[in-house]
């Protein structure tokens, strides 16, 4: 006898706005998914793993730029199996993953046992990778790989010069450090968390700058040419400080905006030194670039390094970690097992 698929009952975390406009979250156990909810060229994924990202943290705070409608389920990455397919691209039980797509923003996200998504967001799991391992990397790793690929020729040209990573203990920052350390690059970082200095040193960082001291620079448009490339994960006015130190025809990669999305910069480094200012957005990657980035996902060395820095948690543990005082102190990669 064929097992009935629908209706599907499932559990998820929902971000909720109360009547007093307070943002909170709750685990909902009685969600229902019906067959008519699955549009043409859509699939249902039975989620096995997801992970925690800064975007998810912002959604837990009710960030208006990310949460358009309440209640909302966060989660921007997912891996698992095709549970039901209304698409010619995928068959039931195929192992798949989603990274660097609009999941969790334009749709309900992956902090859920089942999700419904368009088939063009979904990719088959590469051979040699598990659904857990691909979530250890996720969009954060994808973004870091993209940024390193964009700047690698410049880094190798000035191999004797260090590179700088700001926001070093962010997910993208930590991935960037691992990638650079694996190719023997001299890495300096900017961070606000002294307690993580030992961890950063073990990862291959050669010099650590406290952010409060780093921003205390002379009020000159140009300073000594120090860094070939800056991986800038913080945003705000720290960009203007970093630009002063970049070598002729060096690169600043703007990746994150933790400190704000507005920066007052002096343009002389761009004019007199020809410094490039490049924005990095994972979702804008074309098909060929995605293939190149995903090749790095198969790196056994990277997976081994990430395994040491990954903690697997349950859906019930997410809310506690997403509290500011806990999230701000994290140095691990959190992967959620559904």
C-alpha atoms as a PDB file:
ATOM      1  CA  UNK A   1       0.000   0.000   0.000  1.00  0.00           C
ATOM      2  CA  UNK A   2       1.411   3.383  -1.034  1.00  0.00           C
ATOM      3  CA  UNK A   3       2.102   5.699   1.882  1.00  0.00           C
ATOM      4  CA  UNK A   4       0.119   8.927   1.924  1.00  0.00           C
ATOM      5  CA  UNK A   5       2.412  11.990   1.581  1.00  0.00           C
ATOM      6  CA  UNK A   6      -0.005  14.838   2.264  1.00  0.00           C
ATOM      7  CA  UNK A   7      -0.865  16.645   4.430  1.00  0.00           C
ATOM      8  CA  UNK A   8       2.616  17.019   5.964  1.00  0.00           C
ATOM      9  CA  UNK A   9       2.804  18.017   9.614  1.00  0.00           C
ATOM     10  CA  UNK A  10       6.084  19.610  10.616  1.00  0.00           C
ATOM     11  CA  UNK A  11       7.935  21.670  13.232  1.00  0.00           C
ATOM     12  CA  UNK A  12       9.608  25.042  12.649  1.00  0.00           C
ATOM     13  CA  UNK A  13      10.881  28.118  14.477  1.00  0.00           C
ATOM     14  CA  UNK A  14       8.812  31.226  13.791  1.00  0.00           C
ATOM     15  CA  UNK A  15       9.759  34.856  14.425  1.00  0.00           C
ATOM     16  CA  UNK A  16       6.687  36.572  15.848  1.00  0.00           C
ATOM     17  CA  UNK A  17       5.667  40.166  16.519  1.00  0.00           C
ATOM     18  CA  UNK A  18       3.363  40.440  19.526  1.00  0.00           C
ATOM     19  CA  UNK A  19       0.462  42.844  19.944  1.00  0.00           C
ATOM     20  CA  UNK A  20       2.851  45.128  21.848  1.00  0.00           C
ATOM     21  CA  UNK A  21       5.273  45.063  18.859  1.00  0.00           C
ATOM     22  CA  UNK A  22       7.761  42.928  20.757  1.00  0.00           C
ATOM     23  CA  UNK A  23       9.822  40.543  18.609  1.00  0.00           C
ATOM     24  CA  UNK A  24      10.009  37.011  19.925  1.00  0.00           C
ATOM     25  CA  UNK A  25      10.330  33.486  18.584  1.00  0.00           C
ATOM     26  CA  UNK A  26       8.534  30.237  19.142  1.00  0.00           C
ATOM     27  CA  UNK A  27       8.796  26.614  18.077  1.00  0.00           C
ATOM     28  CA  UNK A  28       5.613  25.677  16.202  1.00  0.00           C
ATOM     29  CA  UNK A  29       4.847  21.945  16.016  1.00  0.00           C
ATOM     30  CA  UNK A  30       1.576  21.865  14.095  1.00  0.00           C
ATOM     31  CA  UNK A  31       2.461  23.445  10.729  1.00  0.00           C
ATOM     32  CA  UNK A  32       0.621  21.907   7.784  1.00  0.00           C
ATOM     33  CA  UNK A  33       1.857  21.598   4.194  1.00  0.00           C
ATOM     34  CA  UNK A  34      -0.646  20.577   1.520  1.00  0.00           C
ATOM     35  CA  UNK A  35      -0.099  19.326  -2.025  1.00  0.00           C
ATOM     36  CA  UNK A  36      -1.680  22.459  -3.472  1.00  0.00           C
ATOM     37  CA  UNK A  37       1.026  24.528  -1.736  1.00  0.00           C
ATOM     38  CA  UNK A  38       3.634  23.078  -4.116  1.00  0.00           C
ATOM     39  CA  UNK A  39       3.665  25.178  -7.306  1.00  0.00           C
ATOM     40  CA  UNK A  40       4.920  23.979 -10.679  1.00  0.00           C
ATOM     41  CA  UNK A  41       8.731  23.694 -10.762  1.00  0.00           C
ATOM     42  CA  UNK A  42       8.835  23.633  -6.945  1.00  0.00           C
ATOM     43  CA  UNK A  43      10.025  20.856  -4.646  1.00  0.00           C
ATOM     44  CA  UNK A  44       9.539  19.923  -1.006  1.00  0.00           C
ATOM     45  CA  UNK A  45      12.782  19.306   0.858  1.00  0.00           C
ATOM     46  CA  UNK A  46      12.976  17.240   4.022  1.00  0.00           C
ATOM     47  CA  UNK A  47      15.641  19.270   5.795  1.00  0.00           C
ATOM     48  CA  UNK A  48      18.398  17.267   7.477  1.00  0.00           C
ATOM     49  CA  UNK A  49      20.768  20.125   8.376  1.00  0.00           C
ATOM     50  CA  UNK A  50      20.898  23.901   8.334  1.00  0.00           C
ATOM     51  CA  UNK A  51      23.193  26.409  10.090  1.00  0.00           C
ATOM     52  CA  UNK A  52      23.344  29.752  11.903  1.00  0.00           C
ATOM     53  CA  UNK A  53      24.273  32.920   9.999  1.00  0.00           C
ATOM     54  CA  UNK A  54      24.402  36.629  10.796  1.00  0.00           C
ATOM     55  CA  UNK A  55      21.326  37.148   8.603  1.00  0.00           C
ATOM     56  CA  UNK A  56      19.441  34.698  10.829  1.00  0.00           C
ATOM     57  CA  UNK A  57      20.586  36.627  13.900  1.00  0.00           C
ATOM     58  CA  UNK A  58      19.209  39.841  12.395  1.00  0.00           C
ATOM     59  CA  UNK A  59      15.914  38.093  11.628  1.00  0.00           C
ATOM     60  CA  UNK A  60      15.652  36.992  15.242  1.00  0.00           C
ATOM     61  CA  UNK A  61      15.805  40.704  16.092  1.00  0.00           C
ATOM     62  CA  UNK A  62      13.026  41.416  13.577  1.00  0.00           C
ATOM     63  CA  UNK A  63      15.227  43.317  11.112  1.00  0.00           C
ATOM     64  CA  UNK A  64      12.831  45.127   8.766  1.00  0.00           C
ATOM     65  CA  UNK A  65      15.104  44.751   5.750  1.00  0.00           C
ATOM     66  CA  UNK A  66      14.959  40.970   6.035  1.00  0.00           C
ATOM     67  CA  UNK A  67      11.631  40.155   7.666  1.00  0.00           C
ATOM     68  CA  UNK A  68       8.834  41.509   5.514  1.00  0.00           C
ATOM     69  CA  UNK A  69       5.953  39.660   7.123  1.00  0.00           C
ATOM     70  CA  UNK A  70       5.284  38.018  10.498  1.00  0.00           C
ATOM     71  CA  UNK A  71       5.306  35.222  11.455  1.00  0.00           C
ATOM     72  CA  UNK A  72       8.498  34.334   9.617  1.00  0.00           C
ATOM     73  CA  UNK A  73      10.750  31.258   9.587  1.00  0.00           C
ATOM     74  CA  UNK A  74      14.469  32.151   9.304  1.00  0.00           C
ATOM     75  CA  UNK A  75      17.266  29.994   7.887  1.00  0.00           C
ATOM     76  CA  UNK A  76      19.215  30.808   4.702  1.00  0.00           C
ATOM     77  CA  UNK A  77      20.961  27.452   4.060  1.00  0.00           C
ATOM     78  CA  UNK A  78      19.578  23.921   3.851  1.00  0.00           C
ATOM     79  CA  UNK A  79      20.552  20.375   2.993  1.00  0.00           C
ATOM     80  CA  UNK A  80      18.531  17.193   2.904  1.00  0.00           C
ATOM     81  CA  UNK A  81      16.523  15.087   0.465  1.00  0.00           C
ATOM     82  CA  UNK A  82      13.781  15.730  -2.074  1.00  0.00           C
ATOM     83  CA  UNK A  83      10.594  14.595  -0.330  1.00  0.00           C
ATOM     84  CA  UNK A  84       8.188  15.555  -3.120  1.00  0.00           C
ATOM     85  CA  UNK A  85       8.887  17.008  -6.559  1.00  0.00           C
ATOM     86  CA  UNK A  86       6.716  19.054  -8.893  1.00  0.00           C
ATOM     87  CA  UNK A  87       9.782  19.579 -11.076  1.00  0.00           C
ATOM     88  CA  UNK A  88      11.453  17.723 -13.946  1.00  0.00           C
ATOM     89  CA  UNK A  89      14.885  18.551 -12.507  1.00  0.00           C
ATOM     90  CA  UNK A  90      14.638  16.477  -9.340  1.00  0.00           C
ATOM     91  CA  UNK A  91      13.390  13.094  -8.240  1.00  0.00           C
ATOM     92  CA  UNK A  92      12.214  11.962  -4.838  1.00  0.00           C
ATOM     93  CA  UNK A  93      14.993  10.973  -2.381  1.00  0.00           C
ATOM     94  CA  UNK A  94      17.792  12.817  -4.219  1.00  0.00           C
ATOM     95  CA  UNK A  95      20.287  14.416  -1.830  1.00  0.00           C
ATOM     96  CA  UNK A  96      20.462  18.168  -2.335  1.00  0.00           C
ATOM     97  CA  UNK A  97      21.494  21.493  -0.775  1.00  0.00           C
ATOM     98  CA  UNK A  98      20.737  25.215  -0.999  1.00  0.00           C
ATOM     99  CA  UNK A  99      23.352  27.948  -0.388  1.00  0.00           C
ATOM    100  CA  UNK A 100      23.691  31.564  -1.579  1.00  0.00           C
ATOM    101  CA  UNK A 101      20.055  31.874  -2.644  1.00  0.00           C
ATOM    102  CA  UNK A 102      17.169  34.081  -1.376  1.00  0.00           C
ATOM    103  CA  UNK A 103      15.990  31.295   0.960  1.00  0.00           C
ATOM    104  CA  UNK A 104      14.738  32.591   4.308  1.00  0.00           C
ATOM    105  CA  UNK A 105      14.235  36.130   3.009  1.00  0.00           C
ATOM    106  CA  UNK A 106      11.871  35.874   0.039  1.00  0.00           C
ATOM    107  CA  UNK A 107      10.411  32.664   1.446  1.00  0.00           C
ATOM    108  CA  UNK A 108      10.089  30.784   4.705  1.00  0.00           C
ATOM    109  CA  UNK A 109      13.516  29.563   5.694  1.00  0.00           C
ATOM    110  CA  UNK A 110      15.223  26.344   6.682  1.00  0.00           C
ATOM    111  CA  UNK A 111      14.688  26.352  10.457  1.00  0.00           C
ATOM    112  CA  UNK A 112      11.954  23.918   9.590  1.00  0.00           C
ATOM    113  CA  UNK A 113      11.604  20.162   9.069  1.00  0.00           C
ATOM    114  CA  UNK A 114      10.170  20.714   5.559  1.00  0.00           C
ATOM    115  CA  UNK A 115      10.536  23.606   3.114  1.00  0.00           C
ATOM    116  CA  UNK A 116       9.010  24.359  -0.295  1.00  0.00           C
ATOM    117  CA  UNK A 117      11.329  26.085  -2.771  1.00  0.00           C
ATOM    118  CA  UNK A 118      11.730  26.715  -6.533  1.00  0.00           C
ATOM    119  CA  UNK A 119      13.901  24.115  -8.248  1.00  0.00           C
ATOM    120  CA  UNK A 120      16.424  26.655  -9.562  1.00  0.00           C
ATOM    121  CA  UNK A 121      17.617  27.289  -5.982  1.00  0.00           C
ATOM    122  CA  UNK A 122      18.423  23.627  -5.456  1.00  0.00           C
ATOM    123  CA  UNK A 123      21.634  21.764  -6.350  1.00  0.00           C
ATOM    124  CA  UNK A 124      22.499  18.093  -6.139  1.00  0.00           C
ATOM    125  CA  UNK A 125      24.884  17.215  -3.348  1.00  0.00           C
ATOM    126  CA  UNK A 126      28.422  16.794  -4.740  1.00  0.00           C
ATOM    127  CA  UNK A 127      29.949  13.330  -4.474  1.00  0.00           C
ATOM    128  CA  UNK A 128      32.159  12.967  -1.423  1.00  0.00           C
ATOM    129  CA  UNK A 129      30.197  15.504   0.651  1.00  0.00           C
ATOM    130  CA  UNK A 130      27.579  14.744   3.287  1.00  0.00           C
ATOM    131  CA  UNK A 131      24.530  16.888   4.017  1.00  0.00           C
ATOM    132  CA  UNK A 132      26.174  17.868   7.307  1.00  0.00           C
ATOM    133  CA  UNK A 133      29.488  18.863   5.710  1.00  0.00           C
ATOM    134  CA  UNK A 134      27.899  21.088   3.077  1.00  0.00           C
ATOM    135  CA  UNK A 135      26.147  22.991   5.886  1.00  0.00           C
ATOM    136  CA  UNK A 136      29.434  23.396   7.749  1.00  0.00           C
ATOM    137  CA  UNK A 137      30.448  25.530   4.758  1.00  0.00           C
ATOM    138  CA  UNK A 138      27.139  27.082   3.668  1.00  0.00           C
ATOM    139  CA  UNK A 139      26.660  30.632   2.388  1.00  0.00           C
ATOM    140  CA  UNK A 140      29.351  32.004   4.729  1.00  0.00           C
ATOM    141  CA  UNK A 141      31.962  29.685   3.270  1.00  0.00           C
ATOM    142  CA  UNK A 142      30.664  30.289  -0.256  1.00  0.00           C
ATOM    143  CA  UNK A 143      31.080  34.049   0.285  1.00  0.00           C
ATOM    144  CA  UNK A 144      34.604  33.698   1.688  1.00  0.00           C
ATOM    145  CA  UNK A 145      35.670  31.455  -1.224  1.00  0.00           C
ATOM    146  CA  UNK A 146      34.245  33.972  -3.711  1.00  0.00           C
ATOM    147  CA  UNK A 147      36.142  36.831  -2.046  1.00  0.00           C
ATOM    148  CA  UNK A 148      39.444  34.907  -2.001  1.00  0.00           C
ATOM    149  CA  UNK A 149      39.000  33.864  -5.649  1.00  0.00           C
ATOM    150  CA  UNK A 150      38.388  37.513  -6.649  1.00  0.00           C
ATOM    151  CA  UNK A 151      41.629  38.651  -5.038  1.00  0.00           C
ATOM    152  CA  UNK A 152      43.969  35.648  -5.211  1.00  0.00           C
ATOM    153  CA  UNK A 153      46.077  36.868  -8.138  1.00  0.00           C
ATOM    154  CA  UNK A 154      46.691  40.156  -6.306  1.00  0.00           C
ATOM    155  CA  UNK A 155      47.568  38.365  -3.051  1.00  0.00           C
ATOM    156  CA  UNK A 156      50.060  36.105  -4.817  1.00  0.00           C
ATOM    157  CA  UNK A 157      51.601  39.044  -6.686  1.00  0.00           C
ATOM    158  CA  UNK A 158      52.335  40.758  -3.358  1.00  0.00           C
ATOM    159  CA  UNK A 159      52.945  37.554  -1.372  1.00  0.00           C
ATOM    160  CA  UNK A 160      55.412  39.279   0.964  1.00  0.00           C
ATOM    161  CA  UNK A 161      52.707  41.756   1.980  1.00  0.00           C
ATOM    162  CA  UNK A 162      50.125  40.710   4.586  1.00  0.00           C
ATOM    163  CA  UNK A 163      46.392  40.707   4.002  1.00  0.00           C
ATOM    164  CA  UNK A 164      43.899  42.107   6.517  1.00  0.00           C
ATOM    165  CA  UNK A 165      40.636  40.496   7.647  1.00  0.00           C
ATOM    166  CA  UNK A 166      38.239  42.637   9.673  1.00  0.00           C
ATOM    167  CA  UNK A 167      35.466  41.094  11.735  1.00  0.00           C
ATOM    168  CA  UNK A 168      37.749  38.109  12.124  1.00  0.00           C
ATOM    169  CA  UNK A 169      35.430  36.005  14.305  1.00  0.00           C
ATOM    170  CA  UNK A 170      32.401  36.373  12.037  1.00  0.00           C
ATOM    171  CA  UNK A 171      31.503  33.260  10.034  1.00  0.00           C
ATOM    172  CA  UNK A 172      32.874  34.765   6.810  1.00  0.00           C
ATOM    173  CA  UNK A 173      35.940  36.117   8.631  1.00  0.00           C
ATOM    174  CA  UNK A 174      36.818  32.718  10.102  1.00  0.00           C
ATOM    175  CA  UNK A 175      36.374  30.985   6.733  1.00  0.00           C
ATOM    176  CA  UNK A 176      38.558  33.586   5.036  1.00  0.00           C
ATOM    177  CA  UNK A 177      41.329  33.033   7.583  1.00  0.00           C
ATOM    178  CA  UNK A 178      41.233  29.249   7.031  1.00  0.00           C
ATOM    179  CA  UNK A 179      41.390  29.650   3.247  1.00  0.00           C
ATOM    180  CA  UNK A 180      44.296  32.119   3.398  1.00  0.00           C
ATOM    181  CA  UNK A 181      46.235  30.083   5.974  1.00  0.00           C
ATOM    182  CA  UNK A 182      45.979  27.040   3.690  1.00  0.00           C
ATOM    183  CA  UNK A 183      47.916  28.870   0.972  1.00  0.00           C
ATOM    184  CA  UNK A 184      50.555  30.251   3.343  1.00  0.00           C
ATOM    185  CA  UNK A 185      49.510  33.908   3.420  1.00  0.00           C
ATOM    186  CA  UNK A 186      50.569  36.320   6.174  1.00  0.00           C
ATOM    187  CA  UNK A 187      47.265  37.258   7.851  1.00  0.00           C
ATOM    188  CA  UNK A 188      46.493  40.203  10.112  1.00  0.00           C
ATOM    189  CA  UNK A 189      43.049  40.702  11.623  1.00  0.00           C
ATOM    190  CA  UNK A 190      40.888  43.298  13.310  1.00  0.00           C
ATOM    191  CA  UNK A 191      38.625  42.120  16.132  1.00  0.00           C
ATOM    192  CA  UNK A 192      36.922  43.468  19.248  1.00  0.00           C
ATOM    193  CA  UNK A 193      37.201  40.206  21.205  1.00  0.00           C
ATOM    194  CA  UNK A 194      40.522  39.729  23.025  1.00  0.00           C
ATOM    195  CA  UNK A 195      39.326  36.416  24.447  1.00  0.00           C
ATOM    196  CA  UNK A 196      39.518  34.903  20.951  1.00  0.00           C
ATOM    197  CA  UNK A 197      43.150  35.823  20.296  1.00  0.00           C
ATOM    198  CA  UNK A 198      44.445  32.328  21.124  1.00  0.00           C
ATOM    199  CA  UNK A 199      41.966  30.727  18.727  1.00  0.00           C
ATOM    200  CA  UNK A 200      42.898  33.153  15.947  1.00  0.00           C
ATOM    201  CA  UNK A 201      46.614  32.472  16.439  1.00  0.00           C
ATOM    202  CA  UNK A 202      46.001  28.715  16.205  1.00  0.00           C
ATOM    203  CA  UNK A 203      44.147  29.288  12.939  1.00  0.00           C
ATOM    204  CA  UNK A 204      47.220  30.945  11.407  1.00  0.00           C
ATOM    205  CA  UNK A 205      46.806  34.662  12.182  1.00  0.00           C
ATOM    206  CA  UNK A 206      50.164  36.448  12.572  1.00  0.00           C
ATOM    207  CA  UNK A 207      49.006  39.757  14.067  1.00  0.00           C
ATOM    208  CA  UNK A 208      45.835  40.829  15.865  1.00  0.00           C
ATOM    209  CA  UNK A 209      44.628  44.443  16.042  1.00  0.00           C
ATOM    210  CA  UNK A 210      42.033  45.506  18.582  1.00  0.00           C
ATOM    211  CA  UNK A 211      39.425  47.558  16.740  1.00  0.00           C
ATOM    212  CA  UNK A 212      39.582  50.463  19.226  1.00  0.00           C
ATOM    213  CA  UNK A 213      43.309  50.909  18.586  1.00  0.00           C
ATOM    214  CA  UNK A 214      43.099  50.200  14.850  1.00  0.00           C
ATOM    215  CA  UNK A 215      40.771  53.131  14.187  1.00  0.00           C
ATOM    216  CA  UNK A 216      43.106  55.585  15.978  1.00  0.00           C
ATOM    217  CA  UNK A 217      45.085  56.603  12.900  1.00  0.00           C
ATOM    218  CA  UNK A 218      46.589  59.940  11.821  1.00  0.00           C
ATOM    219  CA  UNK A 219      44.117  62.077   9.902  1.00  0.00           C
ATOM    220  CA  UNK A 220      45.876  61.602   6.559  1.00  0.00           C
ATOM    221  CA  UNK A 221      44.253  60.289   3.371  1.00  0.00           C
ATOM    222  CA  UNK A 222      47.179  57.894   2.764  1.00  0.00           C
ATOM    223  CA  UNK A 223      49.390  55.898   5.131  1.00  0.00           C
ATOM    224  CA  UNK A 224      52.184  53.366   4.560  1.00  0.00           C
ATOM    225  CA  UNK A 225      51.352  50.777   1.896  1.00  0.00           C
ATOM    226  CA  UNK A 226      50.860  47.741   4.093  1.00  0.00           C
ATOM    227  CA  UNK A 227      48.165  45.363   2.802  1.00  0.00           C
ATOM    228  CA  UNK A 228      47.723  43.885  -0.663  1.00  0.00           C
ATOM    229  CA  UNK A 229      44.082  43.003   0.032  1.00  0.00           C
ATOM    230  CA  UNK A 230      41.587  43.792   2.786  1.00  0.00           C
ATOM    231  CA  UNK A 231      38.631  41.470   3.456  1.00  0.00           C
ATOM    232  CA  UNK A 232      36.252  43.941   5.094  1.00  0.00           C
ATOM    233  CA  UNK A 233      33.389  42.343   7.045  1.00  0.00           C
ATOM    234  CA  UNK A 234      32.359  45.222   9.323  1.00  0.00           C
ATOM    235  CA  UNK A 235      31.283  48.151   7.136  1.00  0.00           C
ATOM    236  CA  UNK A 236      30.819  51.654   8.492  1.00  0.00           C
ATOM    237  CA  UNK A 237      33.756  54.044   8.708  1.00  0.00           C
ATOM    238  CA  UNK A 238      36.371  51.332   9.258  1.00  0.00           C
ATOM    239  CA  UNK A 239      36.430  51.075   5.450  1.00  0.00           C
ATOM    240  CA  UNK A 240      38.046  54.515   5.236  1.00  0.00           C
ATOM    241  CA  UNK A 241      40.776  53.443   7.689  1.00  0.00           C
ATOM    242  CA  UNK A 242      41.534  50.272   5.730  1.00  0.00           C
ATOM    243  CA  UNK A 243      41.767  52.091   2.392  1.00  0.00           C
ATOM    244  CA  UNK A 244      44.671  54.203   3.671  1.00  0.00           C
ATOM    245  CA  UNK A 245      46.902  51.142   4.115  1.00  0.00           C
ATOM    246  CA  UNK A 246      46.347  49.361   0.793  1.00  0.00           C
ATOM    247  CA  UNK A 247      49.191  49.079  -1.747  1.00  0.00           C
ATOM    248  CA  UNK A 248      49.063  50.533  -5.244  1.00  0.00           C
ATOM    249  CA  UNK A 249      46.404  48.688  -7.272  1.00  0.00           C
ATOM    250  CA  UNK A 250      45.463  46.683  -4.199  1.00  0.00           C
ATOM    251  CA  UNK A 251      41.905  45.614  -3.374  1.00  0.00           C
ATOM    252  CA  UNK A 252      39.351  46.191  -0.629  1.00  0.00           C
ATOM    253  CA  UNK A 253      36.555  43.608  -0.709  1.00  0.00           C
ATOM    254  CA  UNK A 254      33.425  44.932   0.985  1.00  0.00           C
ATOM    255  CA  UNK A 255      31.601  41.888   2.377  1.00  0.00           C
ATOM    256  CA  UNK A 256      29.620  42.817   5.501  1.00  0.00           C
ATOM    257  CA  UNK A 257      27.950  45.740   7.244  1.00  0.00           C
ATOM    258  CA  UNK A 258      27.879  44.801  10.936  1.00  0.00           C
ATOM    259  CA  UNK A 259      28.865  48.365  11.933  1.00  0.00           C
ATOM    260  CA  UNK A 260      26.574  50.026   9.380  1.00  0.00           C
ATOM    261  CA  UNK A 261      25.995  50.356   5.650  1.00  0.00           C
ATOM    262  CA  UNK A 262      27.116  53.991   5.365  1.00  0.00           C
ATOM    263  CA  UNK A 263      30.779  54.998   5.233  1.00  0.00           C
ATOM    264  CA  UNK A 264      32.428  58.376   4.760  1.00  0.00           C
ATOM    265  CA  UNK A 265      35.604  57.673   2.777  1.00  0.00           C
ATOM    266  CA  UNK A 266      38.453  59.694   1.341  1.00  0.00           C
ATOM    267  CA  UNK A 267      38.713  58.837  -2.357  1.00  0.00           C
ATOM    268  CA  UNK A 268      42.444  59.597  -2.696  1.00  0.00           C
ATOM    269  CA  UNK A 269      43.468  55.932  -2.196  1.00  0.00           C
ATOM    270  CA  UNK A 270      41.233  55.139  -5.184  1.00  0.00           C
ATOM    271  CA  UNK A 271      42.654  57.952  -7.318  1.00  0.00           C
ATOM    272  CA  UNK A 272      46.338  58.137  -6.309  1.00  0.00           C
ATOM    273  CA  UNK A 273      46.956  54.434  -5.673  1.00  0.00           C
ATOM    274  CA  UNK A 274      44.355  52.946  -7.992  1.00  0.00           C
ATOM    275  CA  UNK A 275      42.881  50.874  -5.163  1.00  0.00           C
ATOM    276  CA  UNK A 276      39.864  48.800  -6.210  1.00  0.00           C
ATOM    277  CA  UNK A 277      36.747  48.708  -4.031  1.00  0.00           C
ATOM    278  CA  UNK A 278      34.795  45.529  -4.830  1.00  0.00           C
ATOM    279  CA  UNK A 279      31.479  44.470  -3.324  1.00  0.00           C
ATOM    280  CA  UNK A 280      30.939  40.752  -2.655  1.00  0.00           C
ATOM    281  CA  UNK A 281      27.439  39.302  -2.895  1.00  0.00           C
ATOM    282  CA  UNK A 282      27.107  35.513  -2.885  1.00  0.00           C
ATOM    283  CA  UNK A 283      23.645  35.428  -4.476  1.00  0.00           C
ATOM    284  CA  UNK A 284      24.806  37.346  -7.568  1.00  0.00           C
ATOM    285  CA  UNK A 285      27.239  34.592  -8.604  1.00  0.00           C
ATOM    286  CA  UNK A 286      26.676  33.227 -12.113  1.00  0.00           C
ATOM    287  CA  UNK A 287      26.530  29.524 -12.985  1.00  0.00           C
ATOM    288  CA  UNK A 288      30.206  29.203 -13.964  1.00  0.00           C
ATOM    289  CA  UNK A 289      31.390  31.060 -10.886  1.00  0.00           C
ATOM    290  CA  UNK A 290      29.195  28.870  -8.663  1.00  0.00           C
ATOM    291  CA  UNK A 291      30.772  25.729 -10.168  1.00  0.00           C
ATOM    292  CA  UNK A 292      34.245  27.080  -9.440  1.00  0.00           C
ATOM    293  CA  UNK A 293      33.337  27.993  -5.859  1.00  0.00           C
ATOM    294  CA  UNK A 294      31.635  24.660  -5.191  1.00  0.00           C
ATOM    295  CA  UNK A 295      34.814  22.803  -6.203  1.00  0.00           C
ATOM    296  CA  UNK A 296      36.437  24.197  -3.058  1.00  0.00           C
ATOM    297  CA  UNK A 297      33.571  22.708  -1.005  1.00  0.00           C
ATOM    298  CA  UNK A 298      35.111  19.290  -1.756  1.00  0.00           C
ATOM    299  CA  UNK A 299      38.441  20.158  -0.107  1.00  0.00           C
ATOM    300  CA  UNK A 300      39.111  17.418   2.465  1.00  0.00           C
ATOM    301  CA  UNK A 301      41.525  19.672   4.331  1.00  0.00           C
ATOM    302  CA  UNK A 302      38.888  22.412   4.673  1.00  0.00           C
ATOM    303  CA  UNK A 303      36.288  19.902   5.903  1.00  0.00           C
ATOM    304  CA  UNK A 304      38.729  18.523   8.492  1.00  0.00           C
ATOM    305  CA  UNK A 305      39.499  22.044   9.748  1.00  0.00           C
ATOM    306  CA  UNK A 306      35.817  22.941   9.920  1.00  0.00           C
ATOM    307  CA  UNK A 307      34.984  19.742  11.804  1.00  0.00           C
ATOM    308  CA  UNK A 308      37.140  20.992  14.684  1.00  0.00           C
ATOM    309  CA  UNK A 309      35.246  24.297  14.749  1.00  0.00           C
ATOM    310  CA  UNK A 310      31.695  22.980  14.263  1.00  0.00           C
ATOM    311  CA  UNK A 311      29.078  22.213  16.890  1.00  0.00           C
ATOM    312  CA  UNK A 312      25.877  20.370  15.986  1.00  0.00           C
ATOM    313  CA  UNK A 313      22.787  21.586  17.858  1.00  0.00           C
ATOM    314  CA  UNK A 314      19.049  20.918  17.817  1.00  0.00           C
ATOM    315  CA  UNK A 315      16.237  23.269  16.824  1.00  0.00           C
ATOM    316  CA  UNK A 316      15.414  23.646  20.532  1.00  0.00           C
ATOM    317  CA  UNK A 317      18.862  25.165  21.218  1.00  0.00           C
ATOM    318  CA  UNK A 318      18.718  27.863  18.531  1.00  0.00           C
ATOM    319  CA  UNK A 319      16.779  30.505  20.463  1.00  0.00           C
ATOM    320  CA  UNK A 320      19.273  30.557  23.332  1.00  0.00           C
ATOM    321  CA  UNK A 321      22.283  30.953  21.030  1.00  0.00           C
ATOM    322  CA  UNK A 322      20.572  33.741  19.082  1.00  0.00           C
ATOM    323  CA  UNK A 323      20.434  35.972  22.149  1.00  0.00           C
ATOM    324  CA  UNK A 324      22.883  38.818  21.544  1.00  0.00           C
ATOM    325  CA  UNK A 325      25.197  38.092  24.467  1.00  0.00           C
ATOM    326  CA  UNK A 326      25.621  34.496  23.285  1.00  0.00           C
ATOM    327  CA  UNK A 327      25.788  35.062  19.517  1.00  0.00           C
ATOM    328  CA  UNK A 328      28.324  37.862  19.923  1.00  0.00           C
ATOM    329  CA  UNK A 329      30.707  35.551  21.791  1.00  0.00           C
ATOM    330  CA  UNK A 330      30.538  32.589  19.436  1.00  0.00           C
ATOM    331  CA  UNK A 331      33.671  31.261  17.746  1.00  0.00           C
ATOM    332  CA  UNK A 332      32.150  28.001  16.548  1.00  0.00           C
ATOM    333  CA  UNK A 333      30.211  27.168  13.421  1.00  0.00           C
ATOM    334  CA  UNK A 334      26.758  26.048  14.545  1.00  0.00           C
ATOM    335  CA  UNK A 335      25.060  23.411  12.391  1.00  0.00           C
ATOM    336  CA  UNK A 336      21.440  22.525  13.211  1.00  0.00           C
ATOM    337  CA  UNK A 337      20.286  18.926  12.896  1.00  0.00           C
ATOM    338  CA  UNK A 338      16.574  18.716  12.124  1.00  0.00           C
END
